[in-house]
């Protein structure tokens, strides 16, 4: 049997060169072109969303997000149709604010993306006590031999008081 120290050595059981030292996760994400593009798009969407929010009244801005499906196209996403209608009325002001910050888009669309509805958990109601259950438990208590079960059923019937 091998020494327990050797069994945990990762390089001892692997043929070839030893593993290179680890790299930080941020470096790995930056080196991958696809992940770097996603991260760049996320940052751009955040920057555009902040600019759009600055151009809108606060109650309206809370329900609007910006998506960039392509570099020259902007989708302003509203949570409801009412928010989308109000956003369409303010679209010229939003475009002007984006233009002042150097963000020009060939096409700006307003879309409605409803938030998913959470299902309300139903409260589980305990079974209601009725006279048929009381009669059944009284019958059970009468047929049980003396012991802890019979005493527990008798106490429960006494506490229920019905």
C-alpha atoms as a PDB file:
ATOM      1  CA  UNK A   1       0.000   0.000   0.000  1.00  0.00           C
ATOM      2  CA  UNK A   2       1.285   3.475  -0.844  1.00  0.00           C
ATOM      3  CA  UNK A   3       2.093   6.152   1.626  1.00  0.00           C
ATOM      4  CA  UNK A   4      -0.921   8.362   2.427  1.00  0.00           C
ATOM      5  CA  UNK A   5       1.158  11.460   1.638  1.00  0.00           C
ATOM      6  CA  UNK A   6       1.672  10.284  -1.963  1.00  0.00           C
ATOM      7  CA  UNK A   7      -1.995   9.501  -2.542  1.00  0.00           C
ATOM      8  CA  UNK A   8      -2.935  13.197  -2.303  1.00  0.00           C
ATOM      9  CA  UNK A   9      -0.159  14.489  -4.575  1.00  0.00           C
ATOM     10  CA  UNK A  10      -1.905  15.557  -7.794  1.00  0.00           C
ATOM     11  CA  UNK A  11       1.292  15.531  -9.865  1.00  0.00           C
ATOM     12  CA  UNK A  12       2.405  12.084  -8.669  1.00  0.00           C
ATOM     13  CA  UNK A  13      -0.412  10.217 -10.417  1.00  0.00           C
ATOM     14  CA  UNK A  14      -0.512  12.334 -13.602  1.00  0.00           C
ATOM     15  CA  UNK A  15       1.908  11.576 -16.422  1.00  0.00           C
ATOM     16  CA  UNK A  16       3.642  14.404 -18.261  1.00  0.00           C
ATOM     17  CA  UNK A  17       4.414  17.921 -17.113  1.00  0.00           C
ATOM     18  CA  UNK A  18       3.261  19.244 -13.757  1.00  0.00           C
ATOM     19  CA  UNK A  19       0.273  21.547 -13.805  1.00  0.00           C
ATOM     20  CA  UNK A  20       0.973  25.266 -14.239  1.00  0.00           C
ATOM     21  CA  UNK A  21       0.158  27.540 -11.335  1.00  0.00           C
ATOM     22  CA  UNK A  22      -3.461  28.712 -11.225  1.00  0.00           C
ATOM     23  CA  UNK A  23      -4.689  31.895 -12.877  1.00  0.00           C
ATOM     24  CA  UNK A  24      -7.216  34.295 -11.395  1.00  0.00           C
ATOM     25  CA  UNK A  25     -10.765  33.797 -12.633  1.00  0.00           C
ATOM     26  CA  UNK A  26     -10.961  37.370 -13.957  1.00  0.00           C
ATOM     27  CA  UNK A  27      -7.927  36.655 -16.163  1.00  0.00           C
ATOM     28  CA  UNK A  28      -9.477  33.434 -17.490  1.00  0.00           C
ATOM     29  CA  UNK A  29     -12.705  35.278 -18.326  1.00  0.00           C
ATOM     30  CA  UNK A  30     -10.808  38.115 -20.020  1.00  0.00           C
ATOM     31  CA  UNK A  31      -8.714  35.697 -22.122  1.00  0.00           C
ATOM     32  CA  UNK A  32     -11.727  33.856 -23.559  1.00  0.00           C
ATOM     33  CA  UNK A  33     -13.012  35.916 -26.532  1.00  0.00           C
ATOM     34  CA  UNK A  34     -16.651  34.851 -26.157  1.00  0.00           C
ATOM     35  CA  UNK A  35     -16.780  35.555 -22.418  1.00  0.00           C
ATOM     36  CA  UNK A  36     -14.941  38.856 -22.921  1.00  0.00           C
ATOM     37  CA  UNK A  37     -17.537  39.907 -25.534  1.00  0.00           C
ATOM     38  CA  UNK A  38     -20.405  39.002 -23.188  1.00  0.00           C
ATOM     39  CA  UNK A  39     -18.796  40.966 -20.370  1.00  0.00           C
ATOM     40  CA  UNK A  40     -18.259  43.987 -22.671  1.00  0.00           C
ATOM     41  CA  UNK A  41     -21.903  43.830 -23.775  1.00  0.00           C
ATOM     42  CA  UNK A  42     -23.082  43.638 -20.163  1.00  0.00           C
ATOM     43  CA  UNK A  43     -21.010  46.715 -19.264  1.00  0.00           C
ATOM     44  CA  UNK A  44     -22.325  48.601 -22.315  1.00  0.00           C
ATOM     45  CA  UNK A  45     -25.929  47.706 -21.427  1.00  0.00           C
ATOM     46  CA  UNK A  46     -25.356  48.902 -17.864  1.00  0.00           C
ATOM     47  CA  UNK A  47     -23.899  52.199 -19.115  1.00  0.00           C
ATOM     48  CA  UNK A  48     -26.818  52.760 -21.525  1.00  0.00           C
ATOM     49  CA  UNK A  49     -29.371  51.798 -18.854  1.00  0.00           C
ATOM     50  CA  UNK A  50     -27.876  54.382 -16.470  1.00  0.00           C
ATOM     51  CA  UNK A  51     -28.068  57.060 -19.170  1.00  0.00           C
ATOM     52  CA  UNK A  52     -31.681  56.170 -19.981  1.00  0.00           C
ATOM     53  CA  UNK A  53     -32.605  56.228 -16.287  1.00  0.00           C
ATOM     54  CA  UNK A  54     -31.059  59.697 -15.953  1.00  0.00           C
ATOM     55  CA  UNK A  55     -33.301  60.974 -18.770  1.00  0.00           C
ATOM     56  CA  UNK A  56     -36.520  59.547 -17.308  1.00  0.00           C
ATOM     57  CA  UNK A  57     -38.560  60.345 -14.194  1.00  0.00           C
ATOM     58  CA  UNK A  58     -37.560  58.075 -11.338  1.00  0.00           C
ATOM     59  CA  UNK A  59     -40.897  56.159 -11.083  1.00  0.00           C
ATOM     60  CA  UNK A  60     -40.728  55.363 -14.802  1.00  0.00           C
ATOM     61  CA  UNK A  61     -36.994  54.618 -14.870  1.00  0.00           C
ATOM     62  CA  UNK A  62     -37.357  51.908 -12.227  1.00  0.00           C
ATOM     63  CA  UNK A  63     -39.275  49.768 -14.736  1.00  0.00           C
ATOM     64  CA  UNK A  64     -37.036  50.223 -17.800  1.00  0.00           C
ATOM     65  CA  UNK A  65     -33.897  48.352 -18.875  1.00  0.00           C
ATOM     66  CA  UNK A  66     -31.687  48.605 -21.959  1.00  0.00           C
ATOM     67  CA  UNK A  67     -30.686  45.677 -24.177  1.00  0.00           C
ATOM     68  CA  UNK A  68     -28.174  45.880 -27.004  1.00  0.00           C
ATOM     69  CA  UNK A  69     -29.070  43.164 -29.545  1.00  0.00           C
ATOM     70  CA  UNK A  70     -26.499  44.660 -31.971  1.00  0.00           C
ATOM     71  CA  UNK A  71     -24.023  47.563 -31.756  1.00  0.00           C
ATOM     72  CA  UNK A  72     -26.302  50.022 -33.593  1.00  0.00           C
ATOM     73  CA  UNK A  73     -29.633  48.872 -32.159  1.00  0.00           C
ATOM     74  CA  UNK A  74     -31.126  49.617 -28.739  1.00  0.00           C
ATOM     75  CA  UNK A  75     -34.101  47.865 -27.183  1.00  0.00           C
ATOM     76  CA  UNK A  76     -35.694  49.647 -24.248  1.00  0.00           C
ATOM     77  CA  UNK A  77     -37.536  47.002 -22.276  1.00  0.00           C
ATOM     78  CA  UNK A  78     -40.503  47.964 -20.118  1.00  0.00           C
ATOM     79  CA  UNK A  79     -42.160  45.745 -17.539  1.00  0.00           C
ATOM     80  CA  UNK A  80     -45.754  46.617 -18.552  1.00  0.00           C
ATOM     81  CA  UNK A  81     -47.638  48.070 -21.491  1.00  0.00           C
ATOM     82  CA  UNK A  82     -48.433  51.221 -19.526  1.00  0.00           C
ATOM     83  CA  UNK A  83     -44.752  51.825 -18.826  1.00  0.00           C
ATOM     84  CA  UNK A  84     -43.969  51.179 -22.513  1.00  0.00           C
ATOM     85  CA  UNK A  85     -46.585  53.744 -23.614  1.00  0.00           C
ATOM     86  CA  UNK A  86     -45.153  56.390 -21.275  1.00  0.00           C
ATOM     87  CA  UNK A  87     -41.638  55.522 -22.474  1.00  0.00           C
ATOM     88  CA  UNK A  88     -42.668  55.946 -26.125  1.00  0.00           C
ATOM     89  CA  UNK A  89     -43.905  59.458 -25.290  1.00  0.00           C
ATOM     90  CA  UNK A  90     -40.491  60.332 -23.846  1.00  0.00           C
ATOM     91  CA  UNK A  91     -38.420  58.592 -26.534  1.00  0.00           C
ATOM     92  CA  UNK A  92     -37.242  61.829 -28.262  1.00  0.00           C
ATOM     93  CA  UNK A  93     -35.863  63.123 -24.944  1.00  0.00           C
ATOM     94  CA  UNK A  94     -34.169  59.779 -24.269  1.00  0.00           C
ATOM     95  CA  UNK A  95     -32.556  59.748 -27.739  1.00  0.00           C
ATOM     96  CA  UNK A  96     -31.349  63.322 -27.231  1.00  0.00           C
ATOM     97  CA  UNK A  97     -29.843  62.445 -23.831  1.00  0.00           C
ATOM     98  CA  UNK A  98     -28.077  59.413 -25.306  1.00  0.00           C
ATOM     99  CA  UNK A  99     -26.797  61.552 -28.206  1.00  0.00           C
ATOM    100  CA  UNK A 100     -25.326  64.110 -25.785  1.00  0.00           C
ATOM    101  CA  UNK A 101     -23.354  61.270 -24.190  1.00  0.00           C
ATOM    102  CA  UNK A 102     -22.073  60.054 -27.556  1.00  0.00           C
ATOM    103  CA  UNK A 103     -24.362  57.037 -27.834  1.00  0.00           C
ATOM    104  CA  UNK A 104     -26.002  57.068 -31.252  1.00  0.00           C
ATOM    105  CA  UNK A 105     -28.252  54.186 -32.303  1.00  0.00           C
ATOM    106  CA  UNK A 106     -29.671  53.542 -35.758  1.00  0.00           C
ATOM    107  CA  UNK A 107     -32.790  51.973 -34.282  1.00  0.00           C
ATOM    108  CA  UNK A 108     -34.400  52.347 -30.855  1.00  0.00           C
ATOM    109  CA  UNK A 109     -37.285  50.006 -30.083  1.00  0.00           C
ATOM    110  CA  UNK A 110     -39.554  49.881 -27.063  1.00  0.00           C
ATOM    111  CA  UNK A 111     -40.527  46.371 -26.001  1.00  0.00           C
ATOM    112  CA  UNK A 112     -42.662  44.923 -23.250  1.00  0.00           C
ATOM    113  CA  UNK A 113     -41.141  42.073 -21.268  1.00  0.00           C
ATOM    114  CA  UNK A 114     -43.540  41.149 -18.460  1.00  0.00           C
ATOM    115  CA  UNK A 115     -41.986  39.999 -15.239  1.00  0.00           C
ATOM    116  CA  UNK A 116     -42.668  36.405 -14.380  1.00  0.00           C
ATOM    117  CA  UNK A 117     -45.531  35.968 -11.964  1.00  0.00           C
ATOM    118  CA  UNK A 118     -44.661  34.208  -8.766  1.00  0.00           C
ATOM    119  CA  UNK A 119     -47.050  31.508  -7.763  1.00  0.00           C
ATOM    120  CA  UNK A 120     -48.431  32.200  -4.333  1.00  0.00           C
ATOM    121  CA  UNK A 121     -47.835  29.281  -2.061  1.00  0.00           C
ATOM    122  CA  UNK A 122     -51.082  27.994  -0.699  1.00  0.00           C
ATOM    123  CA  UNK A 123     -51.203  27.696   3.025  1.00  0.00           C
ATOM    124  CA  UNK A 124     -51.839  24.130   4.034  1.00  0.00           C
ATOM    125  CA  UNK A 125     -54.821  24.143   6.333  1.00  0.00           C
ATOM    126  CA  UNK A 126     -54.978  21.543   9.068  1.00  0.00           C
ATOM    127  CA  UNK A 127     -57.826  19.103   8.920  1.00  0.00           C
ATOM    128  CA  UNK A 128     -60.779  20.422  10.812  1.00  0.00           C
ATOM    129  CA  UNK A 129     -62.039  18.502  13.813  1.00  0.00           C
ATOM    130  CA  UNK A 130     -65.543  17.105  13.458  1.00  0.00           C
ATOM    131  CA  UNK A 131     -67.867  14.873  15.464  1.00  0.00           C
ATOM    132  CA  UNK A 132     -67.191  11.734  13.380  1.00  0.00           C
ATOM    133  CA  UNK A 133     -63.495  11.941  14.205  1.00  0.00           C
ATOM    134  CA  UNK A 134     -64.262  12.422  17.891  1.00  0.00           C
ATOM    135  CA  UNK A 135     -66.495   9.345  17.933  1.00  0.00           C
ATOM    136  CA  UNK A 136     -63.831   7.285  16.154  1.00  0.00           C
ATOM    137  CA  UNK A 137     -61.122   8.351  18.622  1.00  0.00           C
ATOM    138  CA  UNK A 138     -63.371   7.694  21.607  1.00  0.00           C
ATOM    139  CA  UNK A 139     -64.022   4.214  20.224  1.00  0.00           C
ATOM    140  CA  UNK A 140     -60.284   3.675  19.751  1.00  0.00           C
ATOM    141  CA  UNK A 141     -59.540   4.846  23.284  1.00  0.00           C
ATOM    142  CA  UNK A 142     -62.114   2.389  24.616  1.00  0.00           C
ATOM    143  CA  UNK A 143     -60.570  -0.601  22.800  1.00  0.00           C
ATOM    144  CA  UNK A 144     -56.889   0.113  23.504  1.00  0.00           C
ATOM    145  CA  UNK A 145     -55.176  -1.752  26.336  1.00  0.00           C
ATOM    146  CA  UNK A 146     -53.889   0.304  29.246  1.00  0.00           C
ATOM    147  CA  UNK A 147     -50.594   1.967  28.340  1.00  0.00           C
ATOM    148  CA  UNK A 148     -48.997   5.136  26.996  1.00  0.00           C
ATOM    149  CA  UNK A 149     -50.965   5.142  23.704  1.00  0.00           C
ATOM    150  CA  UNK A 150     -54.330   4.925  25.454  1.00  0.00           C
ATOM    151  CA  UNK A 151     -53.275   7.668  27.888  1.00  0.00           C
ATOM    152  CA  UNK A 152     -52.129   9.924  25.006  1.00  0.00           C
ATOM    153  CA  UNK A 153     -55.415   9.486  23.092  1.00  0.00           C
ATOM    154  CA  UNK A 154     -57.407  10.179  26.273  1.00  0.00           C
ATOM    155  CA  UNK A 155     -55.365  13.357  26.962  1.00  0.00           C
ATOM    156  CA  UNK A 156     -55.842  14.528  23.383  1.00  0.00           C
ATOM    157  CA  UNK A 157     -59.618  13.994  23.580  1.00  0.00           C
ATOM    158  CA  UNK A 158     -59.746  15.830  26.904  1.00  0.00           C
ATOM    159  CA  UNK A 159     -57.728  18.800  25.547  1.00  0.00           C
ATOM    160  CA  UNK A 160     -59.801  19.073  22.375  1.00  0.00           C
ATOM    161  CA  UNK A 161     -62.849  19.628  24.589  1.00  0.00           C
ATOM    162  CA  UNK A 162     -65.390  19.119  21.848  1.00  0.00           C
END
